[in-house]
PDB file of N, CA and C in Angstrom:
ATOM      1  N   UNK A   1       1.326   7.664  -4.233  1.00  0.00           N
ATOM      2  CA  UNK A   1       2.007   6.614  -3.517  1.00  0.00           C
ATOM      3  C   UNK A   1       1.480   5.248  -3.944  1.00  0.00           C
ATOM      4  N   UNK A   2       0.166   5.147  -4.085  1.00  0.00           N
ATOM      5  CA  UNK A   2      -0.410   3.867  -4.488  1.00  0.00           C
ATOM      6  C   UNK A   2       0.051   3.468  -5.887  1.00  0.00           C
ATOM      7  N   UNK A   3       0.134   4.433  -6.784  1.00  0.00           N
ATOM      8  CA  UNK A   3       0.586   4.143  -8.142  1.00  0.00           C
ATOM      9  C   UNK A   3       2.043   3.709  -8.155  1.00  0.00           C
ATOM     10  N   UNK A   4       2.870   4.376  -7.365  1.00  0.00           N
ATOM     11  CA  UNK A   4       4.294   4.012  -7.292  1.00  0.00           C
ATOM     12  C   UNK A   4       4.467   2.611  -6.724  1.00  0.00           C
ATOM     13  N   UNK A   5       3.685   2.274  -5.697  1.00  0.00           N
ATOM     14  CA  UNK A   5       3.759   0.927  -5.126  1.00  0.00           C
ATOM     15  C   UNK A   5       3.320  -0.113  -6.150  1.00  0.00           C
ATOM     16  N   UNK A   6       2.271   0.181  -6.867  1.00  0.00           N
ATOM     17  CA  UNK A   6       1.781  -0.738  -7.894  1.00  0.00           C
ATOM     18  C   UNK A   6       2.839  -0.968  -8.970  1.00  0.00           C
ATOM     19  N   UNK A   7       3.461   0.094  -9.422  1.00  0.00           N
ATOM     20  CA  UNK A   7       4.528  -0.028 -10.426  1.00  0.00           C
ATOM     21  C   UNK A   7       5.701  -0.829  -9.893  1.00  0.00           C
ATOM     22  N   UNK A   8       6.056  -0.598  -8.645  1.00  0.00           N
ATOM     23  CA  UNK A   8       7.161  -1.330  -8.024  1.00  0.00           C
ATOM     24  C   UNK A   8       6.843  -2.817  -7.917  1.00  0.00           C
ATOM     25  N   UNK A   9       5.618  -3.141  -7.506  1.00  0.00           N
ATOM     26  CA  UNK A   9       5.207  -4.536  -7.386  1.00  0.00           C
ATOM     27  C   UNK A   9       5.279  -5.252  -8.732  1.00  0.00           C
ATOM     28  N   UNK A  10       4.908  -4.562  -9.791  1.00  0.00           N
ATOM     29  CA  UNK A  10       4.955  -5.154 -11.133  1.00  0.00           C
ATOM     30  C   UNK A  10       6.397  -5.338 -11.616  1.00  0.00           C
ATOM     31  N   UNK A  11       7.292  -4.462 -11.181  1.00  0.00           N
ATOM     32  CA  UNK A  11       8.676  -4.501 -11.660  1.00  0.00           C
ATOM     33  C   UNK A  11       9.529  -5.540 -10.946  1.00  0.00           C
ATOM     34  N   UNK A  12       9.193  -5.874  -9.712  1.00  0.00           N
ATOM     35  CA  UNK A  12      10.024  -6.777  -8.929  1.00  0.00           C
ATOM     36  C   UNK A  12       9.471  -8.207  -9.061  1.00  0.00           C
ATOM     37  N   UNK A  13      10.067  -8.953  -9.987  1.00  0.00           N
ATOM     38  CA  UNK A  13       9.617 -10.322 -10.219  1.00  0.00           C
ATOM     39  C   UNK A  13      10.820 -11.256 -10.284  1.00  0.00           C
ATOM     40  N   UNK A  14      10.562 -12.521 -10.073  1.00  0.00           N
ATOM     41  CA  UNK A  14      11.586 -13.547 -10.233  1.00  0.00           C
ATOM     42  C   UNK A  14      11.725 -13.813 -11.729  1.00  0.00           C
ATOM     43  N   UNK A  15      12.911 -13.605 -12.264  1.00  0.00           N
ATOM     44  CA  UNK A  15      13.135 -13.717 -13.696  1.00  0.00           C
ATOM     45  C   UNK A  15      12.879 -15.145 -14.195  1.00  0.00           C
ATOM     46  N   UNK A  16      13.237 -16.138 -13.398  1.00  0.00           N
ATOM     47  CA  UNK A  16      13.099 -17.531 -13.827  1.00  0.00           C
ATOM     48  C   UNK A  16      11.649 -17.993 -13.842  1.00  0.00           C
ATOM     49  N   UNK A  17      10.888 -17.616 -12.819  1.00  0.00           N
ATOM     50  CA  UNK A  17       9.520 -18.134 -12.688  1.00  0.00           C
ATOM     51  C   UNK A  17       8.438 -17.112 -13.021  1.00  0.00           C
ATOM     52  N   UNK A  18       8.815 -15.883 -13.188  1.00  0.00           N
ATOM     53  CA  UNK A  18       7.883 -14.765 -13.428  1.00  0.00           C
ATOM     54  C   UNK A  18       6.921 -14.534 -12.262  1.00  0.00           C
ATOM     55  N   UNK A  19       7.266 -15.039 -11.079  1.00  0.00           N
ATOM     56  CA  UNK A  19       6.448 -14.812  -9.885  1.00  0.00           C
ATOM     57  C   UNK A  19       6.783 -13.449  -9.289  1.00  0.00           C
ATOM     58  N   UNK A  20       5.763 -12.813  -8.756  1.00  0.00           N
ATOM     59  CA  UNK A  20       5.962 -11.518  -8.109  1.00  0.00           C
ATOM     60  C   UNK A  20       6.544 -11.739  -6.712  1.00  0.00           C
ATOM     61  N   UNK A  21       7.523 -10.933  -6.357  1.00  0.00           N
ATOM     62  CA  UNK A  21       8.101 -10.993  -5.013  1.00  0.00           C
ATOM     63  C   UNK A  21       7.206 -10.299  -3.990  1.00  0.00           C
ATOM     64  N   UNK A  22       6.499  -9.277  -4.403  1.00  0.00           N
ATOM     65  CA  UNK A  22       5.696  -8.477  -3.482  1.00  0.00           C
ATOM     66  C   UNK A  22       4.222  -8.795  -3.710  1.00  0.00           C
ATOM     67  N   UNK A  23       3.579  -9.299  -2.670  1.00  0.00           N
ATOM     68  CA  UNK A  23       2.165  -9.663  -2.781  1.00  0.00           C
ATOM     69  C   UNK A  23       1.296  -8.930  -1.766  1.00  0.00           C
ATOM     70  N   UNK A  24       1.884  -8.033  -1.036  1.00  0.00           N
ATOM     71  CA  UNK A  24       1.165  -7.344   0.031  1.00  0.00           C
ATOM     72  C   UNK A  24       0.307  -6.203  -0.501  1.00  0.00           C
ATOM     73  N   UNK A  25      -0.640  -5.790   0.290  1.00  0.00           N
ATOM     74  CA  UNK A  25      -1.464  -4.624  -0.016  1.00  0.00           C
ATOM     75  C   UNK A  25      -1.121  -3.522   0.968  1.00  0.00           C
ATOM     76  N   UNK A  26      -1.246  -2.295   0.542  1.00  0.00           N
ATOM     77  CA  UNK A  26      -0.940  -1.159   1.405  1.00  0.00           C
ATOM     78  C   UNK A  26      -2.156  -0.829   2.278  1.00  0.00           C
ATOM     79  N   UNK A  27      -1.888  -0.492   3.520  1.00  0.00           N
ATOM     80  CA  UNK A  27      -2.946  -0.067   4.440  1.00  0.00           C
ATOM     81  C   UNK A  27      -2.527   1.263   5.069  1.00  0.00           C
ATOM     82  N   UNK A  28      -3.515   1.981   5.569  1.00  0.00           N
ATOM     83  CA  UNK A  28      -3.256   3.295   6.154  1.00  0.00           C
ATOM     84  C   UNK A  28      -3.820   3.373   7.569  1.00  0.00           C
ATOM     85  N   UNK A  29      -3.141   4.178   8.396  1.00  0.00           N
ATOM     86  CA  UNK A  29      -3.626   4.507   9.732  1.00  0.00           C
ATOM     87  C   UNK A  29      -3.522   6.013   9.896  1.00  0.00           C
ATOM     88  N   UNK A  30      -4.594   6.610  10.382  1.00  0.00           N
ATOM     89  CA  UNK A  30      -4.545   8.026  10.730  1.00  0.00           C
ATOM     90  C   UNK A  30      -3.930   8.140  12.117  1.00  0.00           C
ATOM     91  N   UNK A  31      -2.955   9.011  12.278  1.00  0.00           N
ATOM     92  CA  UNK A  31      -2.218   9.079  13.531  1.00  0.00           C
ATOM     93  C   UNK A  31      -2.207  10.512  14.068  1.00  0.00           C
ATOM     94  N   UNK A  32      -2.337  10.633  15.388  1.00  0.00           N
ATOM     95  CA  UNK A  32      -2.295  11.923  16.091  1.00  0.00           C
ATOM     96  C   UNK A  32      -3.370  12.873  15.573  1.00  0.00           C
ATOM     97  N   UNK A  33      -4.580  12.371  15.479  1.00  0.00           N
ATOM     98  CA  UNK A  33      -5.699  13.144  14.953  1.00  0.00           C
ATOM     99  C   UNK A  33      -6.434  13.825  16.092  1.00  0.00           C
ATOM    100  N   UNK A  34      -6.635  15.111  15.963  1.00  0.00           N
ATOM    101  CA  UNK A  34      -7.418  15.856  16.958  1.00  0.00           C
ATOM    102  C   UNK A  34      -8.893  15.685  16.615  1.00  0.00           C
ATOM    103  N   UNK A  35      -9.631  15.098  17.511  1.00  0.00           N
ATOM    104  CA  UNK A  35     -11.007  14.702  17.239  1.00  0.00           C
ATOM    105  C   UNK A  35     -12.019  15.842  17.329  1.00  0.00           C
ATOM    106  N   UNK A  36     -11.642  16.960  17.863  1.00  0.00           N
ATOM    107  CA  UNK A  36     -12.601  18.043  18.100  1.00  0.00           C
ATOM    108  C   UNK A  36     -12.462  19.193  17.104  1.00  0.00           C
ATOM    109  N   UNK A  37     -12.132  18.873  15.869  1.00  0.00           N
ATOM    110  CA  UNK A  37     -11.957  19.911  14.859  1.00  0.00           C
ATOM    111  C   UNK A  37     -12.840  19.649  13.644  1.00  0.00           C
ATOM    112  N   UNK A  38     -13.050  20.697  12.882  1.00  0.00           N
ATOM    113  CA  UNK A  38     -13.830  20.566  11.657  1.00  0.00           C
ATOM    114  C   UNK A  38     -13.099  19.689  10.644  1.00  0.00           C
ATOM    115  N   UNK A  39     -11.782  19.844  10.568  1.00  0.00           N
ATOM    116  CA  UNK A  39     -11.015  19.049   9.607  1.00  0.00           C
ATOM    117  C   UNK A  39     -11.081  17.557   9.941  1.00  0.00           C
ATOM    118  N   UNK A  40     -11.197  17.211  11.235  1.00  0.00           N
ATOM    119  CA  UNK A  40     -11.349  15.795  11.597  1.00  0.00           C
ATOM    120  C   UNK A  40     -12.646  15.234  11.040  1.00  0.00           C
ATOM    121  N   UNK A  41     -13.705  16.002  11.138  1.00  0.00           N
ATOM    122  CA  UNK A  41     -14.996  15.530  10.622  1.00  0.00           C
ATOM    123  C   UNK A  41     -14.933  15.318   9.115  1.00  0.00           C
ATOM    124  N   UNK A  42     -14.307  16.233   8.412  1.00  0.00           N
ATOM    125  CA  UNK A  42     -14.156  16.089   6.964  1.00  0.00           C
ATOM    126  C   UNK A  42     -13.285  14.882   6.633  1.00  0.00           C
ATOM    127  N   UNK A  43     -12.159  14.771   7.328  1.00  0.00           N
ATOM    128  CA  UNK A  43     -11.230  13.650   7.127  1.00  0.00           C
ATOM    129  C   UNK A  43     -11.921  12.329   7.427  1.00  0.00           C
ATOM    130  N   UNK A  44     -12.666  12.277   8.508  1.00  0.00           N
ATOM    131  CA  UNK A  44     -13.379  11.068   8.904  1.00  0.00           C
ATOM    132  C   UNK A  44     -14.382  10.633   7.836  1.00  0.00           C
ATOM    133  N   UNK A  45     -15.095  11.583   7.259  1.00  0.00           N
ATOM    134  CA  UNK A  45     -16.045  11.266   6.193  1.00  0.00           C
ATOM    135  C   UNK A  45     -15.347  10.700   4.963  1.00  0.00           C
ATOM    136  N   UNK A  46     -14.208  11.279   4.624  1.00  0.00           N
ATOM    137  CA  UNK A  46     -13.471  10.821   3.441  1.00  0.00           C
ATOM    138  C   UNK A  46     -12.915   9.410   3.649  1.00  0.00           C
ATOM    139  N   UNK A  47     -12.282   9.170   4.797  1.00  0.00           N
ATOM    140  CA  UNK A  47     -11.642   7.870   4.986  1.00  0.00           C
ATOM    141  C   UNK A  47     -12.616   6.760   5.332  1.00  0.00           C
ATOM    142  N   UNK A  48     -13.823   7.111   5.745  1.00  0.00           N
ATOM    143  CA  UNK A  48     -14.803   6.066   6.053  1.00  0.00           C
ATOM    144  C   UNK A  48     -15.159   5.256   4.806  1.00  0.00           C
ATOM    145  N   UNK A  49     -14.938   5.831   3.639  1.00  0.00           N
ATOM    146  CA  UNK A  49     -15.214   5.161   2.381  1.00  0.00           C
ATOM    147  C   UNK A  49     -14.013   4.395   1.842  1.00  0.00           C
ATOM    148  N   UNK A  50     -12.861   4.524   2.479  1.00  0.00           N
ATOM    149  CA  UNK A  50     -11.630   3.903   1.990  1.00  0.00           C
ATOM    150  C   UNK A  50     -11.380   2.592   2.725  1.00  0.00           C
ATOM    151  N   UNK A  51     -11.375   1.498   1.992  1.00  0.00           N
ATOM    152  CA  UNK A  51     -11.191   0.182   2.621  1.00  0.00           C
ATOM    153  C   UNK A  51      -9.756  -0.061   3.070  1.00  0.00           C
ATOM    154  N   UNK A  52      -8.816   0.773   2.637  1.00  0.00           N
ATOM    155  CA  UNK A  52      -7.416   0.605   3.026  1.00  0.00           C
ATOM    156  C   UNK A  52      -7.073   1.265   4.354  1.00  0.00           C
ATOM    157  N   UNK A  53      -7.981   2.050   4.905  1.00  0.00           N
ATOM    158  CA  UNK A  53      -7.756   2.680   6.206  1.00  0.00           C
ATOM    159  C   UNK A  53      -8.216   1.708   7.285  1.00  0.00           C
ATOM    160  N   UNK A  54      -7.284   1.297   8.152  1.00  0.00           N
ATOM    161  CA  UNK A  54      -7.607   0.284   9.151  1.00  0.00           C
ATOM    162  C   UNK A  54      -7.780   0.839  10.559  1.00  0.00           C
ATOM    163  N   UNK A  55      -7.277   2.055  10.814  1.00  0.00           N
ATOM    164  CA  UNK A  55      -7.378   2.582  12.175  1.00  0.00           C
ATOM    165  C   UNK A  55      -7.174   4.087  12.209  1.00  0.00           C
ATOM    166  N   UNK A  56      -7.734   4.689  13.235  1.00  0.00           N
ATOM    167  CA  UNK A  56      -7.489   6.087  13.552  1.00  0.00           C
ATOM    168  C   UNK A  56      -6.953   6.140  14.973  1.00  0.00           C
ATOM    169  N   UNK A  57      -5.845   6.802  15.138  1.00  0.00           N
ATOM    170  CA  UNK A  57      -5.263   6.962  16.470  1.00  0.00           C
ATOM    171  C   UNK A  57      -5.388   8.429  16.834  1.00  0.00           C
ATOM    172  N   UNK A  58      -6.239   8.705  17.782  1.00  0.00           N
ATOM    173  CA  UNK A  58      -6.481  10.090  18.180  1.00  0.00           C
ATOM    174  C   UNK A  58      -5.315  10.624  18.995  1.00  0.00           C
ATOM    175  N   UNK A  59      -5.121  11.935  18.878  1.00  0.00           N
ATOM    176  CA  UNK A  59      -4.079  12.576  19.666  1.00  0.00           C
ATOM    177  C   UNK A  59      -4.526  12.594  21.126  1.00  0.00           C
ATOM    178  N   UNK A  60      -3.720  12.049  21.989  1.00  0.00           N
ATOM    179  CA  UNK A  60      -4.042  11.972  23.414  1.00  0.00           C
ATOM    180  C   UNK A  60      -2.838  12.430  24.230  1.00  0.00           C
ATOM    181  N   UNK A  61      -3.107  13.007  25.350  1.00  0.00           N
ATOM    182  CA  UNK A  61      -2.028  13.441  26.237  1.00  0.00           C
ATOM    183  C   UNK A  61      -1.234  12.242  26.745  1.00  0.00           C
ATOM    184  N   UNK A  62      -1.882  11.094  26.843  1.00  0.00           N
ATOM    185  CA  UNK A  62      -1.192   9.883  27.287  1.00  0.00           C
ATOM    186  C   UNK A  62      -0.003   9.570  26.382  1.00  0.00           C
ATOM    187  N   UNK A  63      -0.188   9.704  25.070  1.00  0.00           N
ATOM    188  CA  UNK A  63       0.909   9.448  24.137  1.00  0.00           C
ATOM    189  C   UNK A  63       2.018  10.482  24.306  1.00  0.00           C
ATOM    190  N   UNK A  64       1.642  11.739  24.469  1.00  0.00           N
ATOM    191  CA  UNK A  64       2.645  12.788  24.655  1.00  0.00           C
ATOM    192  C   UNK A  64       3.457  12.558  25.925  1.00  0.00           C
ATOM    193  N   UNK A  65       2.778  12.241  27.008  1.00  0.00           N
ATOM    194  CA  UNK A  65       3.461  12.026  28.288  1.00  0.00           C
ATOM    195  C   UNK A  65       4.367  10.799  28.212  1.00  0.00           C
ATOM    196  N   UNK A  66       3.896   9.754  27.588  1.00  0.00           N
ATOM    197  CA  UNK A  66       4.672   8.530  27.441  1.00  0.00           C
ATOM    198  C   UNK A  66       5.962   8.797  26.674  1.00  0.00           C
ATOM    199  N   UNK A  67       5.850   9.591  25.611  1.00  0.00           N
ATOM    200  CA  UNK A  67       7.023   9.923  24.803  1.00  0.00           C
ATOM    201  C   UNK A  67       8.010  10.764  25.599  1.00  0.00           C
ATOM    202  N   UNK A  68       7.506  11.754  26.290  1.00  0.00           N
ATOM    203  CA  UNK A  68       8.388  12.618  27.084  1.00  0.00           C
ATOM    204  C   UNK A  68       9.088  11.870  28.206  1.00  0.00           C
ATOM    205  N   UNK A  69       8.360  10.950  28.832  1.00  0.00           N
ATOM    206  CA  UNK A  69       8.942  10.186  29.942  1.00  0.00           C
ATOM    207  C   UNK A  69       9.752   8.991  29.484  1.00  0.00           C
ATOM    208  N   UNK A  70       9.633   8.631  28.187  1.00  0.00           N
ATOM    209  CA  UNK A  70      10.362   7.477  27.664  1.00  0.00           C
ATOM    210  C   UNK A  70       9.813   6.158  28.163  1.00  0.00           C
ATOM    211  N   UNK A  71       8.532   6.129  28.478  1.00  0.00           N
ATOM    212  CA  UNK A  71       7.883   4.923  28.999  1.00  0.00           C
ATOM    213  C   UNK A  71       6.858   4.437  27.968  1.00  0.00           C
ATOM    214  N   UNK A  72       6.997   3.202  27.487  1.00  0.00           N
ATOM    215  CA  UNK A  72       6.009   2.704  26.522  1.00  0.00           C
ATOM    216  C   UNK A  72       4.646   2.503  27.168  1.00  0.00           C
ATOM    217  N   UNK A  73       3.620   2.633  26.370  1.00  0.00           N
ATOM    218  CA  UNK A  73       2.253   2.454  26.877  1.00  0.00           C
ATOM    219  C   UNK A  73       1.921   0.981  26.915  1.00  0.00           C
TER     220      UNK A  73
END
């Protein structure tokens, strides 16, 4: 995904000025993560070294209930 985004950013330029249209950087968020598993510990160790990961959102019953009831948190 990162390589495809990089290629896309290089391809989308203003023909007249040669300026890039896309100047953003990609960021990641871990979502609906169960914190009490072995895979979470492994995942946490891996992403702790990645500067593009900005947040982890743990799986919580509050989110499930909010979705089922149609009420935003």
